[in-house]
Amino acid sequence: MEKEAEQENRNYTYLVRCADGTFYCGWTNDLDKRIKAHNEGRGAKYTRSRRPVTLVYWEEFSTKTEAMQREAAVKKLTRQQKERLIARKE
């Protein structure tokens, strides 16, 4: 039960690079499952026609609200700023 509670407290803001070179930003509480969904065409409408996607950046948060706020902030970044985020993570 403790392990389940720990997993519930994990929330992620993530960036994927689509096959056409564009970025998609989202949030999730299960990163592996979400990336798999994107690549199976069950993710966001935006990524369905741009598969496969590759996870290139993520941040972990303890609450859904924090992850969603960060997603909104990342979506406002320019492409160059997103590329800098990715480069720092590598």
C-alpha atoms as a PDB file:
ATOM      1  CA  MET A   1       0.000   0.000   0.000  1.00  0.00           C
ATOM      2  CA  GLU A   2       2.880   2.380   0.768  1.00  0.00           C
ATOM      3  CA  LYS A   3       4.356   1.780  -2.671  1.00  0.00           C
ATOM      4  CA  GLU A   4       1.005   2.636  -4.293  1.00  0.00           C
ATOM      5  CA  ALA A   5       0.794   5.852  -2.287  1.00  0.00           C
ATOM      6  CA  GLU A   6       4.323   6.770  -3.393  1.00  0.00           C
ATOM      7  CA  GLN A   7       3.448   6.212  -7.041  1.00  0.00           C
ATOM      8  CA  GLU A   8       0.291   8.300  -6.732  1.00  0.00           C
ATOM      9  CA  ASN A   9       2.427  11.237  -5.621  1.00  0.00           C
ATOM     10  CA  ARG A  10       4.487  11.200  -8.788  1.00  0.00           C
ATOM     11  CA  ASN A  11       3.363  13.649 -11.411  1.00  0.00           C
ATOM     12  CA  TYR A  12       5.382  14.565 -14.457  1.00  0.00           C
ATOM     13  CA  THR A  13       5.587  17.355 -16.978  1.00  0.00           C
ATOM     14  CA  TYR A  14       7.178  15.981 -20.127  1.00  0.00           C
ATOM     15  CA  LEU A  15       8.292  16.878 -23.629  1.00  0.00           C
ATOM     16  CA  VAL A  16       8.365  14.457 -26.528  1.00  0.00           C
ATOM     17  CA  ARG A  17       9.957  14.995 -29.895  1.00  0.00           C
ATOM     18  CA  CYS A  18       7.613  13.895 -32.650  1.00  0.00           C
ATOM     19  CA  ALA A  19       8.729  12.164 -35.855  1.00  0.00           C
ATOM     20  CA  ASP A  20       8.324  15.465 -37.740  1.00  0.00           C
ATOM     21  CA  GLY A  21      10.700  17.219 -35.325  1.00  0.00           C
ATOM     22  CA  THR A  22       8.041  19.166 -33.434  1.00  0.00           C
ATOM     23  CA  PHE A  23       7.628  19.054 -29.662  1.00  0.00           C
ATOM     24  CA  TYR A  24       4.593  18.079 -27.633  1.00  0.00           C
ATOM     25  CA  CYS A  25       4.319  18.947 -23.943  1.00  0.00           C
ATOM     26  CA  GLY A  26       1.977  17.266 -21.490  1.00  0.00           C
ATOM     27  CA  TRP A  27       1.626  16.026 -17.931  1.00  0.00           C
ATOM     28  CA  THR A  28       0.931  12.577 -16.518  1.00  0.00           C
ATOM     29  CA  ASN A  29       1.181  10.480 -13.372  1.00  0.00           C
ATOM     30  CA  ASP A  30       2.568   7.462 -15.288  1.00  0.00           C
ATOM     31  CA  LEU A  31       5.289   8.492 -17.711  1.00  0.00           C
ATOM     32  CA  ASP A  32       5.969   5.070 -19.281  1.00  0.00           C
ATOM     33  CA  LYS A  33       2.282   4.388 -19.854  1.00  0.00           C
ATOM     34  CA  ARG A  34       1.721   7.835 -21.366  1.00  0.00           C
ATOM     35  CA  ILE A  35       4.612   7.588 -23.833  1.00  0.00           C
ATOM     36  CA  LYS A  36       3.411   4.134 -24.844  1.00  0.00           C
ATOM     37  CA  ALA A  37      -0.090   5.553 -25.399  1.00  0.00           C
ATOM     38  CA  HIS A  38       1.305   8.329 -27.618  1.00  0.00           C
ATOM     39  CA  ASN A  39       3.188   5.774 -29.712  1.00  0.00           C
ATOM     40  CA  GLU A  40       0.133   3.529 -30.036  1.00  0.00           C
ATOM     41  CA  GLY A  41      -1.986   6.424 -31.317  1.00  0.00           C
ATOM     42  CA  ARG A  42      -4.001   6.662 -28.099  1.00  0.00           C
ATOM     43  CA  GLY A  43      -2.234   9.774 -26.835  1.00  0.00           C
ATOM     44  CA  ALA A  44      -3.000  13.354 -27.732  1.00  0.00           C
ATOM     45  CA  LYS A  45      -4.626  14.121 -31.054  1.00  0.00           C
ATOM     46  CA  TYR A  46      -1.541  16.183 -31.959  1.00  0.00           C
ATOM     47  CA  THR A  47       0.833  13.226 -31.687  1.00  0.00           C
ATOM     48  CA  ARG A  48      -1.341  10.644 -33.482  1.00  0.00           C
ATOM     49  CA  SER A  49      -0.165  11.667 -36.937  1.00  0.00           C
ATOM     50  CA  ARG A  50       3.376  12.440 -35.776  1.00  0.00           C
ATOM     51  CA  ARG A  51       4.488   9.040 -34.471  1.00  0.00           C
ATOM     52  CA  PRO A  52       6.762   7.735 -33.225  1.00  0.00           C
ATOM     53  CA  VAL A  53       7.454  10.135 -30.389  1.00  0.00           C
ATOM     54  CA  THR A  54      10.572  10.102 -28.227  1.00  0.00           C
ATOM     55  CA  LEU A  55      10.669  11.271 -24.631  1.00  0.00           C
ATOM     56  CA  VAL A  56      13.318  14.013 -24.486  1.00  0.00           C
ATOM     57  CA  TYR A  57      12.600  15.839 -21.210  1.00  0.00           C
ATOM     58  CA  TRP A  58      10.662  15.436 -17.977  1.00  0.00           C
ATOM     59  CA  GLU A  59      10.336  16.939 -14.532  1.00  0.00           C
ATOM     60  CA  GLU A  60       8.809  15.227 -11.500  1.00  0.00           C
ATOM     61  CA  PHE A  61       6.393  16.918  -9.089  1.00  0.00           C
ATOM     62  CA  SER A  62       4.590  15.817  -5.951  1.00  0.00           C
ATOM     63  CA  THR A  63       1.205  17.214  -7.011  1.00  0.00           C
ATOM     64  CA  LYS A  64      -0.904  17.208 -10.150  1.00  0.00           C
ATOM     65  CA  THR A  65      -1.371  20.965  -9.818  1.00  0.00           C
ATOM     66  CA  GLU A  66       2.383  21.608  -9.904  1.00  0.00           C
ATOM     67  CA  ALA A  67       2.793  19.405 -12.970  1.00  0.00           C
ATOM     68  CA  MET A  68      -0.085  21.112 -14.768  1.00  0.00           C
ATOM     69  CA  GLN A  69       1.265  24.576 -13.938  1.00  0.00           C
ATOM     70  CA  ARG A  70       4.694  23.612 -15.236  1.00  0.00           C
ATOM     71  CA  GLU A  71       3.125  22.177 -18.402  1.00  0.00           C
ATOM     72  CA  ALA A  72       1.405  25.523 -19.035  1.00  0.00           C
ATOM     73  CA  ALA A  73       4.701  27.361 -18.517  1.00  0.00           C
ATOM     74  CA  VAL A  74       6.685  25.030 -20.803  1.00  0.00           C
ATOM     75  CA  LYS A  75       4.064  25.345 -23.547  1.00  0.00           C
ATOM     76  CA  LYS A  76       4.686  29.102 -23.567  1.00  0.00           C
ATOM     77  CA  LEU A  77       8.422  28.669 -24.167  1.00  0.00           C
ATOM     78  CA  THR A  78       9.887  29.201 -27.611  1.00  0.00           C
ATOM     79  CA  ARG A  79      11.314  26.238 -29.481  1.00  0.00           C
ATOM     80  CA  GLN A  80      14.826  27.482 -28.711  1.00  0.00           C
ATOM     81  CA  GLN A  81      14.038  27.663 -24.983  1.00  0.00           C
ATOM     82  CA  LYS A  82      12.621  24.114 -25.078  1.00  0.00           C
ATOM     83  CA  GLU A  83      15.783  22.903 -26.821  1.00  0.00           C
ATOM     84  CA  ARG A  84      17.872  24.493 -24.045  1.00  0.00           C
ATOM     85  CA  LEU A  85      15.784  22.670 -21.413  1.00  0.00           C
ATOM     86  CA  ILE A  86      16.414  19.390 -23.200  1.00  0.00           C
ATOM     87  CA  ALA A  87      20.146  20.071 -23.542  1.00  0.00           C
ATOM     88  CA  ARG A  88      20.465  20.717 -19.792  1.00  0.00           C
ATOM     89  CA  LYS A  89      18.790  17.382 -19.019  1.00  0.00           C
ATOM     90  CA  GLU A  90      21.126  15.351 -21.266  1.00  0.00           C
END
